[in-house]
N, C-alpha and C. Protein backbone atom coordinates (compact mmCIF):
# COMPACT_ATOMS: atom_id res chain seq x y z
N UNK A 1 137.16 71.28 174.25
CA UNK A 1 136.43 72.51 174.43
C UNK A 1 135.42 72.66 173.31
N UNK A 2 134.19 72.92 173.65
CA UNK A 2 133.12 73.04 172.67
C UNK A 2 133.18 74.42 172.04
N UNK A 3 133.13 74.42 170.71
CA UNK A 3 133.18 75.69 169.98
C UNK A 3 131.82 76.34 170.03
N UNK A 4 131.78 77.62 170.33
CA UNK A 4 130.53 78.34 170.42
C UNK A 4 130.01 78.74 169.05
N UNK A 5 128.73 79.08 168.98
CA UNK A 5 128.09 79.48 167.74
C UNK A 5 128.56 80.88 167.35
N UNK A 6 128.97 81.01 166.09
CA UNK A 6 129.47 82.30 165.61
C UNK A 6 128.29 83.21 165.27
N UNK A 7 128.35 84.40 165.76
CA UNK A 7 127.30 85.36 165.45
C UNK A 7 127.48 85.89 164.02
N UNK A 8 126.36 86.00 163.28
CA UNK A 8 126.39 86.46 161.90
C UNK A 8 126.38 87.98 161.87
N UNK A 9 127.57 88.55 162.01
CA UNK A 9 127.75 89.98 161.92
C UNK A 9 129.18 90.26 161.52
N UNK A 10 129.40 91.45 161.04
CA UNK A 10 130.72 91.81 160.54
C UNK A 10 131.75 91.78 161.67
N UNK A 11 132.91 91.13 161.34
CA UNK A 11 134.01 91.06 162.32
C UNK A 11 134.75 92.39 162.28
N UNK A 12 134.81 93.03 163.39
CA UNK A 12 135.39 94.37 163.45
C UNK A 12 136.92 94.33 163.40
N UNK A 13 137.51 93.31 163.96
CA UNK A 13 138.97 93.21 163.97
C UNK A 13 139.44 92.85 162.56
N UNK A 14 140.38 93.64 162.04
CA UNK A 14 140.82 93.44 160.65
C UNK A 14 141.57 92.13 160.48
N UNK A 15 142.45 91.82 161.44
CA UNK A 15 143.23 90.59 161.33
C UNK A 15 142.32 89.38 161.42
N UNK A 16 141.41 89.38 162.37
CA UNK A 16 140.47 88.25 162.51
C UNK A 16 139.59 88.13 161.27
N UNK A 17 139.20 89.25 160.71
CA UNK A 17 138.34 89.23 159.52
C UNK A 17 139.07 88.63 158.33
N UNK A 18 140.37 88.92 158.17
CA UNK A 18 141.13 88.37 157.06
C UNK A 18 141.36 86.88 157.23
N UNK A 19 141.64 86.47 158.49
CA UNK A 19 141.84 85.03 158.75
C UNK A 19 140.56 84.26 158.48
N UNK A 20 139.45 84.78 158.95
CA UNK A 20 138.16 84.11 158.74
C UNK A 20 137.83 84.03 157.26
N UNK A 21 138.11 85.07 156.52
CA UNK A 21 137.84 85.08 155.07
C UNK A 21 138.65 84.00 154.37
N UNK A 22 139.93 83.89 154.73
CA UNK A 22 140.79 82.90 154.08
C UNK A 22 140.31 81.48 154.36
N UNK A 23 139.95 81.20 155.62
CA UNK A 23 139.50 79.85 155.96
C UNK A 23 138.18 79.51 155.26
N UNK A 24 137.23 80.40 155.39
CA UNK A 24 135.90 80.10 154.83
C UNK A 24 135.92 80.11 153.28
N UNK A 25 136.83 80.90 152.71
CA UNK A 25 136.95 80.91 151.25
C UNK A 25 137.43 79.55 150.77
N UNK A 26 138.46 79.05 151.40
CA UNK A 26 138.96 77.74 151.00
C UNK A 26 137.93 76.65 151.21
N UNK A 27 137.19 76.74 152.33
CA UNK A 27 136.15 75.73 152.57
C UNK A 27 135.04 75.84 151.54
N UNK A 28 134.67 77.05 151.12
CA UNK A 28 133.60 77.22 150.12
C UNK A 28 134.04 76.69 148.76
N UNK A 29 135.30 76.95 148.40
CA UNK A 29 135.82 76.44 147.12
C UNK A 29 135.87 74.91 147.13
N UNK A 30 136.24 74.35 148.30
CA UNK A 30 136.29 72.90 148.43
C UNK A 30 134.90 72.29 148.30
N UNK A 31 133.92 72.90 148.96
CA UNK A 31 132.55 72.40 148.88
C UNK A 31 132.01 72.49 147.44
N UNK A 32 132.36 73.54 146.72
CA UNK A 32 131.91 73.68 145.34
C UNK A 32 132.51 72.59 144.47
N UNK A 33 133.79 72.30 144.67
CA UNK A 33 134.43 71.23 143.92
C UNK A 33 133.79 69.88 144.22
N UNK A 34 133.56 69.60 145.50
CA UNK A 34 132.95 68.32 145.88
C UNK A 34 131.54 68.18 145.29
N UNK A 35 130.77 69.30 145.28
CA UNK A 35 129.41 69.25 144.73
C UNK A 35 129.42 68.95 143.24
N UNK A 36 130.38 69.52 142.51
CA UNK A 36 130.44 69.28 141.07
C UNK A 36 130.86 67.85 140.75
N UNK A 37 131.74 67.29 141.58
CA UNK A 37 132.22 65.92 141.32
C UNK A 37 131.21 64.89 141.78
N UNK A 38 130.75 65.00 143.00
CA UNK A 38 129.84 63.99 143.56
C UNK A 38 128.47 64.00 142.85
N UNK A 39 127.98 65.13 142.52
CA UNK A 39 126.62 65.24 141.95
C UNK A 39 126.60 65.50 140.46
N UNK A 40 127.78 65.59 139.83
CA UNK A 40 127.87 65.88 138.39
C UNK A 40 127.09 67.15 138.04
N UNK A 41 127.26 68.15 138.86
CA UNK A 41 126.58 69.41 138.67
C UNK A 41 127.54 70.43 138.07
N UNK A 42 126.98 71.35 137.31
CA UNK A 42 127.80 72.43 136.75
C UNK A 42 127.79 73.57 137.75
N UNK A 43 128.95 73.84 138.33
CA UNK A 43 129.06 74.80 139.42
C UNK A 43 130.00 75.91 139.00
N UNK A 44 129.61 77.13 139.32
CA UNK A 44 130.47 78.28 139.10
C UNK A 44 130.48 79.13 140.35
N UNK A 45 131.65 79.50 140.80
CA UNK A 45 131.79 80.25 142.04
C UNK A 45 132.74 81.42 141.81
N UNK A 46 132.31 82.62 142.21
CA UNK A 46 133.12 83.82 142.07
C UNK A 46 133.16 84.52 143.42
N UNK A 47 134.36 84.86 143.87
CA UNK A 47 134.54 85.51 145.17
C UNK A 47 135.49 86.69 145.00
N UNK A 48 135.10 87.84 145.56
CA UNK A 48 135.97 89.01 145.61
C UNK A 48 136.31 89.29 147.08
N UNK A 49 137.59 89.40 147.34
CA UNK A 49 138.04 89.68 148.71
C UNK A 49 137.73 91.13 149.08
N UNK A 50 137.83 91.49 150.36
CA UNK A 50 137.61 92.89 150.76
C UNK A 50 138.55 93.86 150.04
N UNK A 51 139.69 93.38 149.62
CA UNK A 51 140.63 94.23 148.90
C UNK A 51 140.41 94.19 147.38
N UNK A 52 139.41 93.43 146.91
CA UNK A 52 139.09 93.38 145.48
C UNK A 52 139.76 92.27 144.72
N UNK A 53 140.41 91.32 145.39
CA UNK A 53 141.07 90.23 144.70
C UNK A 53 140.05 89.16 144.33
N UNK A 54 140.21 88.58 143.15
CA UNK A 54 139.23 87.64 142.61
C UNK A 54 139.66 86.20 142.89
N UNK A 55 138.68 85.42 143.34
CA UNK A 55 138.84 83.96 143.50
C UNK A 55 137.65 83.32 142.80
N UNK A 56 137.92 82.31 142.01
CA UNK A 56 136.83 81.69 141.24
C UNK A 56 137.03 80.20 141.12
N UNK A 57 135.90 79.50 140.86
CA UNK A 57 135.93 78.07 140.59
C UNK A 57 134.76 77.76 139.65
N UNK A 58 135.02 76.85 138.70
CA UNK A 58 133.97 76.42 137.77
C UNK A 58 134.25 74.99 137.37
N UNK A 59 133.16 74.21 137.28
CA UNK A 59 133.33 72.81 136.87
C UNK A 59 133.73 72.72 135.41
N UNK A 60 133.34 73.66 134.58
CA UNK A 60 133.77 73.69 133.18
C UNK A 60 134.64 74.93 132.97
N UNK A 61 134.00 76.09 132.87
CA UNK A 61 134.71 77.36 132.82
C UNK A 61 133.74 78.44 133.28
N UNK A 62 134.28 79.45 133.88
CA UNK A 62 133.44 80.53 134.42
C UNK A 62 132.64 81.23 133.31
N UNK A 63 133.23 81.60 132.14
CA UNK A 63 132.43 82.25 131.09
C UNK A 63 131.26 81.39 130.60
N UNK A 64 131.51 80.06 130.49
CA UNK A 64 130.42 79.19 130.05
C UNK A 64 129.30 79.14 131.08
N UNK A 65 129.67 79.09 132.35
CA UNK A 65 128.65 79.07 133.40
C UNK A 65 127.86 80.37 133.40
N UNK A 66 128.56 81.50 133.22
CA UNK A 66 127.88 82.80 133.20
C UNK A 66 126.95 82.90 131.99
N UNK A 67 127.40 82.44 130.83
CA UNK A 67 126.56 82.50 129.62
C UNK A 67 125.32 81.63 129.78
N UNK A 68 125.49 80.47 130.36
CA UNK A 68 124.34 79.61 130.60
C UNK A 68 123.36 80.26 131.57
N UNK A 69 123.90 80.94 132.56
CA UNK A 69 123.06 81.63 133.53
C UNK A 69 122.27 82.76 132.85
N UNK A 70 122.91 83.48 131.93
CA UNK A 70 122.21 84.55 131.23
C UNK A 70 121.07 84.02 130.37
N UNK A 71 121.35 82.92 129.66
CA UNK A 71 120.30 82.33 128.83
C UNK A 71 119.12 81.87 129.69
N UNK A 72 119.42 81.29 130.81
CA UNK A 72 118.38 80.78 131.69
C UNK A 72 117.52 81.92 132.25
N UNK A 73 118.17 82.96 132.72
CA UNK A 73 117.41 84.08 133.27
C UNK A 73 116.66 84.84 132.18
N UNK A 74 117.21 84.89 130.96
CA UNK A 74 116.53 85.56 129.86
C UNK A 74 115.25 84.83 129.48
N UNK A 75 115.30 83.50 129.46
CA UNK A 75 114.13 82.71 129.09
C UNK A 75 113.04 82.78 130.14
N UNK A 76 113.42 82.93 131.41
CA UNK A 76 112.42 82.87 132.47
C UNK A 76 112.00 84.24 132.99
N UNK A 77 112.94 85.15 133.08
CA UNK A 77 112.63 86.44 133.70
C UNK A 77 112.26 87.48 132.65
N UNK A 78 112.92 87.49 131.51
CA UNK A 78 112.72 88.54 130.53
C UNK A 78 111.29 88.64 130.02
N UNK A 79 110.59 87.51 129.70
CA UNK A 79 109.21 87.64 129.26
C UNK A 79 108.33 88.33 130.29
N UNK A 80 108.54 88.03 131.54
CA UNK A 80 107.74 88.67 132.58
C UNK A 80 108.01 90.17 132.62
N UNK A 81 109.29 90.54 132.46
CA UNK A 81 109.62 91.96 132.46
C UNK A 81 109.00 92.66 131.27
N UNK A 82 109.12 92.03 130.07
CA UNK A 82 108.53 92.64 128.88
C UNK A 82 107.02 92.76 129.01
N UNK A 83 106.42 91.73 129.59
CA UNK A 83 104.97 91.78 129.77
C UNK A 83 104.57 92.92 130.70
N UNK A 84 105.34 93.10 131.77
CA UNK A 84 105.03 94.20 132.69
C UNK A 84 105.20 95.55 132.01
N UNK A 85 106.26 95.66 131.20
CA UNK A 85 106.48 96.91 130.48
C UNK A 85 105.35 97.17 129.50
N UNK A 86 104.92 96.12 128.78
CA UNK A 86 103.82 96.28 127.81
C UNK A 86 102.53 96.69 128.52
N UNK A 87 102.28 96.09 129.65
CA UNK A 87 101.06 96.44 130.39
C UNK A 87 101.10 97.90 130.83
N UNK A 88 102.26 98.33 131.31
CA UNK A 88 102.39 99.71 131.75
C UNK A 88 102.22 100.68 130.58
N UNK A 89 102.82 100.33 129.43
CA UNK A 89 102.68 101.18 128.25
C UNK A 89 101.22 101.24 127.78
N UNK A 90 100.55 100.09 127.84
CA UNK A 90 99.14 100.05 127.43
C UNK A 90 98.28 100.91 128.36
N UNK A 91 98.58 100.87 129.63
CA UNK A 91 97.82 101.70 130.56
C UNK A 91 98.01 103.18 130.27
N UNK A 92 99.24 103.57 130.02
CA UNK A 92 99.51 104.97 129.71
C UNK A 92 98.84 105.39 128.40
N UNK A 93 98.91 104.52 127.41
CA UNK A 93 98.28 104.84 126.13
C UNK A 93 96.76 104.93 126.27
N UNK A 94 96.19 104.03 127.06
CA UNK A 94 94.74 104.06 127.28
C UNK A 94 94.32 105.34 127.98
N UNK A 95 95.09 105.74 129.00
CA UNK A 95 94.77 106.99 129.70
C UNK A 95 94.87 108.19 128.78
N UNK A 96 95.88 108.21 127.91
CA UNK A 96 96.03 109.31 126.97
C UNK A 96 94.88 109.36 125.98
N UNK A 97 94.47 108.20 125.48
CA UNK A 97 93.34 108.15 124.55
C UNK A 97 92.04 108.57 125.21
N UNK A 98 91.83 108.16 126.44
CA UNK A 98 90.62 108.56 127.16
C UNK A 98 90.57 110.08 127.34
N UNK A 99 91.72 110.67 127.61
CA UNK A 99 91.77 112.13 127.77
C UNK A 99 91.45 112.83 126.45
N UNK A 100 91.99 112.30 125.35
CA UNK A 100 91.70 112.89 124.05
C UNK A 100 90.23 112.76 123.70
N UNK A 101 89.62 111.62 124.04
CA UNK A 101 88.20 111.41 123.77
C UNK A 101 87.35 112.41 124.55
N UNK A 102 87.71 112.63 125.80
CA UNK A 102 86.97 113.60 126.60
C UNK A 102 87.07 115.00 126.01
N UNK A 103 88.27 115.38 125.54
CA UNK A 103 88.43 116.70 124.94
C UNK A 103 87.61 116.82 123.65
N UNK A 104 87.60 115.77 122.85
CA UNK A 104 86.83 115.79 121.61
C UNK A 104 85.33 115.87 121.89
N UNK A 105 84.87 115.13 122.89
CA UNK A 105 83.45 115.18 123.25
C UNK A 105 83.06 116.57 123.74
N UNK A 106 83.93 117.18 124.54
CA UNK A 106 83.65 118.52 125.02
C UNK A 106 83.61 119.52 123.87
N UNK A 107 84.55 119.41 122.95
CA UNK A 107 84.57 120.31 121.79
C UNK A 107 83.35 120.10 120.91
N UNK A 108 82.92 118.86 120.77
CA UNK A 108 81.73 118.57 119.97
C UNK A 108 80.48 119.21 120.58
N UNK A 109 80.34 119.08 121.90
CA UNK A 109 79.18 119.68 122.58
C UNK A 109 79.18 121.20 122.41
N UNK A 110 80.36 121.81 122.50
CA UNK A 110 80.43 123.27 122.36
C UNK A 110 80.08 123.70 120.93
N UNK A 111 80.52 122.92 119.93
CA UNK A 111 80.17 123.25 118.56
C UNK A 111 78.67 123.11 118.30
N UNK A 112 78.01 122.24 119.07
CA UNK A 112 76.56 122.07 118.96
C UNK A 112 75.80 123.08 119.80
N UNK A 113 76.54 123.97 120.48
CA UNK A 113 75.89 124.99 121.30
C UNK A 113 75.55 124.53 122.70
N UNK A 114 76.19 123.45 123.16
CA UNK A 114 75.92 122.92 124.49
C UNK A 114 77.14 123.14 125.39
N UNK A 115 76.89 123.34 126.66
CA UNK A 115 77.98 123.49 127.61
C UNK A 115 78.81 124.74 127.41
N UNK A 116 78.17 125.82 126.99
CA UNK A 116 78.90 127.08 126.76
C UNK A 116 78.93 127.97 128.00
N UNK A 117 78.28 127.54 129.08
CA UNK A 117 78.24 128.38 130.27
C UNK A 117 79.59 128.65 130.88
N UNK A 118 80.50 127.71 130.77
CA UNK A 118 81.83 127.88 131.38
C UNK A 118 82.85 128.47 130.43
N UNK A 119 82.42 128.83 129.20
CA UNK A 119 83.35 129.35 128.21
C UNK A 119 83.53 130.86 128.39
N UNK A 120 84.73 131.30 128.16
CA UNK A 120 85.02 132.73 128.21
C UNK A 120 84.69 133.37 126.86
N UNK A 121 84.84 134.68 126.79
CA UNK A 121 84.55 135.40 125.55
C UNK A 121 85.48 134.95 124.43
N UNK A 122 86.75 134.77 124.75
CA UNK A 122 87.70 134.32 123.73
C UNK A 122 87.35 132.92 123.21
N UNK A 123 86.96 132.03 124.11
CA UNK A 123 86.59 130.68 123.69
C UNK A 123 85.34 130.70 122.80
N UNK A 124 84.36 131.54 123.16
CA UNK A 124 83.15 131.64 122.34
C UNK A 124 83.49 132.20 120.96
N UNK A 125 84.34 133.21 120.90
CA UNK A 125 84.75 133.77 119.61
C UNK A 125 85.50 132.73 118.77
N UNK A 126 86.31 131.92 119.42
CA UNK A 126 87.03 130.87 118.70
C UNK A 126 86.07 129.84 118.14
N UNK A 127 85.06 129.47 118.94
CA UNK A 127 84.06 128.52 118.47
C UNK A 127 83.28 129.10 117.28
N UNK A 128 82.94 130.40 117.37
CA UNK A 128 82.22 131.06 116.26
C UNK A 128 83.07 131.05 114.99
N UNK A 129 84.36 131.30 115.12
CA UNK A 129 85.25 131.29 113.97
C UNK A 129 85.33 129.90 113.35
N UNK A 130 85.40 128.89 114.19
CA UNK A 130 85.43 127.51 113.68
C UNK A 130 84.15 127.17 112.92
N UNK A 131 83.00 127.60 113.47
CA UNK A 131 81.73 127.33 112.80
C UNK A 131 81.66 128.04 111.44
N UNK A 132 82.13 129.29 111.37
CA UNK A 132 82.13 130.02 110.10
C UNK A 132 83.01 129.31 109.07
N UNK A 133 84.16 128.86 109.50
CA UNK A 133 85.04 128.13 108.59
C UNK A 133 84.38 126.83 108.12
N UNK A 134 83.69 126.17 109.03
CA UNK A 134 83.01 124.93 108.67
C UNK A 134 81.90 125.19 107.66
N UNK A 135 81.12 126.27 107.88
CA UNK A 135 80.04 126.61 106.95
C UNK A 135 80.61 126.94 105.57
N UNK A 136 81.71 127.68 105.53
CA UNK A 136 82.35 128.00 104.25
C UNK A 136 82.79 126.73 103.51
N UNK A 137 83.39 125.82 104.25
CA UNK A 137 83.83 124.56 103.64
C UNK A 137 82.65 123.75 103.14
N UNK A 138 81.57 123.70 103.91
CA UNK A 138 80.39 122.93 103.52
C UNK A 138 79.75 123.53 102.26
N UNK A 139 79.66 124.85 102.19
CA UNK A 139 79.08 125.48 101.01
C UNK A 139 79.92 125.23 99.77
N UNK A 140 81.22 125.28 99.94
CA UNK A 140 82.10 125.00 98.80
C UNK A 140 81.90 123.58 98.31
N UNK A 141 81.76 122.65 99.24
CA UNK A 141 81.53 121.25 98.86
C UNK A 141 80.17 121.09 98.18
N UNK A 142 79.17 121.84 98.66
CA UNK A 142 77.84 121.76 98.06
C UNK A 142 77.87 122.25 96.61
N UNK A 143 78.57 123.34 96.35
CA UNK A 143 78.67 123.85 94.99
C UNK A 143 79.42 122.87 94.10
N UNK A 144 80.43 122.24 94.64
CA UNK A 144 81.16 121.25 93.86
C UNK A 144 80.26 120.08 93.49
N UNK A 145 79.44 119.64 94.44
CA UNK A 145 78.51 118.53 94.16
C UNK A 145 77.50 118.95 93.10
N UNK A 146 77.00 120.19 93.17
CA UNK A 146 76.06 120.69 92.16
C UNK A 146 76.71 120.67 90.77
N UNK A 147 77.93 121.16 90.69
CA UNK A 147 78.61 121.18 89.39
C UNK A 147 78.81 119.76 88.85
N UNK A 148 79.18 118.85 89.72
CA UNK A 148 79.37 117.47 89.27
C UNK A 148 78.05 116.88 88.78
N UNK A 149 76.94 117.17 89.47
CA UNK A 149 75.65 116.67 89.02
C UNK A 149 75.25 117.27 87.68
N UNK A 150 75.51 118.57 87.50
CA UNK A 150 75.20 119.21 86.22
C UNK A 150 76.01 118.60 85.09
N UNK A 151 77.27 118.32 85.33
CA UNK A 151 78.09 117.69 84.31
C UNK A 151 77.56 116.31 83.95
N UNK A 152 77.15 115.56 84.95
CA UNK A 152 76.60 114.23 84.67
C UNK A 152 75.30 114.33 83.87
N UNK A 153 74.46 115.32 84.23
CA UNK A 153 73.20 115.50 83.49
C UNK A 153 73.48 115.91 82.05
N UNK A 154 74.46 116.79 81.82
CA UNK A 154 74.80 117.18 80.47
C UNK A 154 75.33 116.00 79.66
N UNK A 155 76.15 115.20 80.29
CA UNK A 155 76.65 114.00 79.61
C UNK A 155 75.50 113.08 79.23
N UNK A 156 74.55 112.93 80.15
CA UNK A 156 73.38 112.09 79.87
C UNK A 156 72.55 112.67 78.74
N UNK A 157 72.40 114.01 78.72
CA UNK A 157 71.63 114.66 77.67
C UNK A 157 72.29 114.45 76.31
N UNK A 158 73.62 114.61 76.26
CA UNK A 158 74.33 114.40 75.00
C UNK A 158 74.20 112.96 74.52
N UNK A 159 74.26 112.02 75.44
CA UNK A 159 74.13 110.62 75.07
C UNK A 159 72.73 110.34 74.53
N UNK A 160 71.69 110.89 75.19
CA UNK A 160 70.32 110.68 74.72
C UNK A 160 70.10 111.33 73.37
N UNK A 161 70.67 112.52 73.16
CA UNK A 161 70.53 113.19 71.86
C UNK A 161 71.17 112.37 70.75
N UNK A 162 72.34 111.87 70.99
CA UNK A 162 73.01 111.04 69.99
C UNK A 162 72.20 109.77 69.71
N UNK A 163 71.67 109.17 70.75
CA UNK A 163 70.87 107.96 70.57
C UNK A 163 69.59 108.27 69.79
N UNK A 164 68.96 109.43 70.08
CA UNK A 164 67.75 109.81 69.37
C UNK A 164 68.03 110.04 67.89
N UNK A 165 69.14 110.71 67.56
CA UNK A 165 69.49 110.95 66.17
C UNK A 165 69.75 109.63 65.44
N UNK A 166 70.39 108.71 66.11
CA UNK A 166 70.66 107.41 65.48
C UNK A 166 69.37 106.67 65.18
N UNK A 167 68.43 106.72 66.17
CA UNK A 167 67.15 106.06 65.95
C UNK A 167 66.38 106.71 64.81
N UNK A 168 66.41 108.05 64.69
CA UNK A 168 65.71 108.73 63.60
C UNK A 168 66.30 108.37 62.26
N UNK A 169 67.63 108.30 62.20
CA UNK A 169 68.27 107.91 60.94
C UNK A 169 67.86 106.50 60.54
N UNK A 170 67.84 105.60 61.53
CA UNK A 170 67.43 104.23 61.21
C UNK A 170 65.98 104.19 60.75
N UNK A 171 65.10 104.97 61.40
CA UNK A 171 63.68 104.96 61.04
C UNK A 171 63.46 105.53 59.65
N UNK A 172 64.01 106.72 59.36
CA UNK A 172 63.81 107.35 58.06
C UNK A 172 64.48 106.55 56.96
N UNK A 173 65.60 105.97 57.24
CA UNK A 173 66.25 105.13 56.24
C UNK A 173 65.40 103.93 55.88
N UNK A 174 64.73 103.32 56.86
CA UNK A 174 63.84 102.19 56.59
C UNK A 174 62.63 102.60 55.79
N UNK A 175 62.08 103.81 56.10
CA UNK A 175 60.93 104.30 55.34
C UNK A 175 61.30 104.52 53.89
N UNK A 176 62.47 105.08 53.61
CA UNK A 176 62.90 105.31 52.24
C UNK A 176 63.03 103.98 51.50
N UNK A 177 63.60 102.96 52.17
CA UNK A 177 63.74 101.66 51.52
C UNK A 177 62.38 101.07 51.20
N UNK A 178 61.46 101.20 52.18
CA UNK A 178 60.12 100.67 51.93
C UNK A 178 59.42 101.43 50.83
N UNK A 179 59.59 102.80 50.78
CA UNK A 179 59.00 103.59 49.70
C UNK A 179 59.56 103.21 48.35
N UNK A 180 60.84 102.97 48.29
CA UNK A 180 61.48 102.56 47.05
C UNK A 180 60.97 101.22 46.59
N UNK A 181 60.79 100.30 47.47
CA UNK A 181 60.27 98.98 47.09
C UNK A 181 58.86 99.10 46.57
N UNK A 182 58.01 99.93 47.21
CA UNK A 182 56.63 100.11 46.75
C UNK A 182 56.60 100.71 45.36
N UNK A 183 57.47 101.70 45.08
CA UNK A 183 57.51 102.31 43.75
C UNK A 183 57.91 101.32 42.70
N UNK A 184 58.88 100.46 43.02
CA UNK A 184 59.29 99.46 42.05
C UNK A 184 58.15 98.48 41.76
N UNK A 185 57.41 98.12 42.84
CA UNK A 185 56.30 97.20 42.61
C UNK A 185 55.24 97.86 41.73
N UNK A 186 54.94 99.17 41.94
CA UNK A 186 53.95 99.86 41.11
C UNK A 186 54.40 99.91 39.66
N UNK A 187 55.71 100.17 39.46
CA UNK A 187 56.20 100.19 38.08
C UNK A 187 56.06 98.83 37.43
N UNK A 188 56.26 97.75 38.16
CA UNK A 188 56.09 96.41 37.61
C UNK A 188 54.66 96.15 37.20
N UNK A 189 53.70 96.63 38.05
CA UNK A 189 52.29 96.45 37.72
C UNK A 189 51.93 97.20 36.45
N UNK A 190 52.43 98.44 36.35
CA UNK A 190 52.15 99.25 35.15
C UNK A 190 52.73 98.57 33.92
N UNK A 191 53.93 98.06 34.03
CA UNK A 191 54.55 97.38 32.88
C UNK A 191 53.73 96.18 32.47
N UNK A 192 53.26 95.44 33.46
CA UNK A 192 52.45 94.25 33.14
C UNK A 192 51.17 94.65 32.41
N UNK A 193 50.53 95.74 32.88
CA UNK A 193 49.29 96.19 32.24
C UNK A 193 49.57 96.66 30.83
N UNK A 194 50.64 97.45 30.68
CA UNK A 194 50.97 97.93 29.34
C UNK A 194 51.35 96.79 28.42
N UNK A 195 52.03 95.81 28.92
CA UNK A 195 52.38 94.66 28.09
C UNK A 195 51.15 93.88 27.66
N UNK A 196 50.14 93.80 28.51
CA UNK A 196 48.93 93.07 28.17
C UNK A 196 48.10 93.79 27.11
N UNK A 197 48.28 95.10 27.00
CA UNK A 197 47.49 95.86 26.02
C UNK A 197 47.91 95.59 24.60
N UNK A 198 49.05 94.96 24.35
CA UNK A 198 49.51 94.66 23.01
C UNK A 198 48.73 93.52 22.37
N UNK A 199 48.04 92.72 23.16
CA UNK A 199 47.31 91.58 22.63
C UNK A 199 46.02 92.06 21.97
N UNK A 200 45.75 91.62 20.77
CA UNK A 200 44.55 92.05 20.04
C UNK A 200 43.52 90.97 19.93
N UNK A 201 43.83 89.72 20.31
CA UNK A 201 42.87 88.61 20.17
C UNK A 201 42.00 88.54 21.39
N UNK A 202 41.06 89.50 21.51
CA UNK A 202 40.14 89.53 22.62
C UNK A 202 38.75 89.35 22.08
N UNK A 203 38.06 88.38 22.60
CA UNK A 203 36.72 88.09 22.15
C UNK A 203 35.74 88.42 23.24
N UNK A 204 34.60 89.00 22.80
CA UNK A 204 33.52 89.31 23.72
C UNK A 204 32.25 88.71 23.17
N UNK A 205 31.65 87.82 23.83
CA UNK A 205 30.46 87.13 23.37
C UNK A 205 29.25 87.69 24.06
N UNK A 206 28.17 87.94 23.28
CA UNK A 206 26.91 88.46 23.78
C UNK A 206 25.80 87.48 23.38
N UNK A 207 25.13 86.99 24.38
CA UNK A 207 24.07 85.99 24.15
C UNK A 207 22.73 86.68 24.22
N UNK A 208 21.88 86.43 23.17
CA UNK A 208 20.52 86.97 23.12
C UNK A 208 19.55 85.81 23.00
N UNK A 209 18.53 85.91 23.78
CA UNK A 209 17.52 84.85 23.72
C UNK A 209 17.80 83.75 24.67
N UNK A 210 17.31 82.53 24.35
CA UNK A 210 17.45 81.39 25.22
C UNK A 210 18.89 80.94 25.27
N UNK A 211 19.28 80.53 26.44
CA UNK A 211 20.66 79.99 26.55
C UNK A 211 20.80 78.70 25.78
N UNK A 212 22.03 78.39 25.47
CA UNK A 212 22.43 77.17 24.78
C UNK A 212 21.91 77.14 23.35
N UNK A 213 21.40 78.26 22.77
CA UNK A 213 21.03 78.29 21.37
C UNK A 213 22.12 79.00 20.62
N UNK A 214 22.91 78.28 19.92
CA UNK A 214 24.05 78.87 19.23
C UNK A 214 23.64 79.71 18.06
N UNK A 215 22.42 79.52 17.55
CA UNK A 215 22.02 80.30 16.39
C UNK A 215 21.74 81.73 16.75
N UNK A 216 21.31 81.94 18.00
CA UNK A 216 20.99 83.30 18.41
C UNK A 216 22.21 84.09 18.87
N UNK A 217 23.38 83.48 18.95
CA UNK A 217 24.58 84.16 19.46
C UNK A 217 25.14 85.07 18.38
N UNK A 218 25.41 86.30 18.76
CA UNK A 218 25.98 87.28 17.83
C UNK A 218 27.43 87.45 18.18
N UNK A 219 28.25 87.26 17.23
CA UNK A 219 29.70 87.38 17.45
C UNK A 219 30.11 88.81 17.18
N UNK A 220 30.75 89.39 18.21
CA UNK A 220 31.21 90.77 18.07
C UNK A 220 32.53 90.80 17.33
N UNK A 221 32.72 91.85 16.62
CA UNK A 221 33.97 91.91 15.82
C UNK A 221 35.19 92.04 16.74
N UNK A 222 36.33 91.64 16.22
CA UNK A 222 37.60 91.72 16.93
C UNK A 222 38.17 93.12 16.85
N UNK A 223 38.76 93.48 17.91
CA UNK A 223 39.41 94.80 17.95
C UNK A 223 40.81 94.71 17.37
N UNK A 224 41.06 95.63 16.50
CA UNK A 224 42.37 95.64 15.87
C UNK A 224 43.32 96.48 16.70
């Protein structure tokens, strides 16, 4: 008798379903064993019966097969999942940043006095308050800059004054040294002249008549 093709649907009869489970379970475990032996493959098989009873087979051990399966799926599937999560997060962050940029651009235009037609009285008053606070801050910064510039100018003035005094001291000190040297030289000249006045052997010759006639020469007396 030819066996008919079994329809792939749940067996409604409980007894027939249990018998079929037992037969096919044993055949599946046998096929798993044959596959691991004939092909030298690492096989792990886990079966739970309708009543929750566990049946298992592994060419090495079930925990080792499960751990190897986790490593394999982590290496191949996890990067793709992380990449998808990163892309989604980047999209959300980009959308949030774009919204913030739009709000900042709108606020900037309103502070410049543009696009105020859709603003209410409260919004206009808030913008006016912000502008007043900004002007106050700017003026305070301007005064601070002025004070800093004045301090720098005063420092520069003090430095130039000190430099000028140093140069004057150097100049006047050099003039005094030069004046002192000139006075010493004048005193030396005077001493030389006075020393020369002690000599009494000074002769003055006066020639009368024809030159080269010694008889006509009159010798002047010596000064004592």
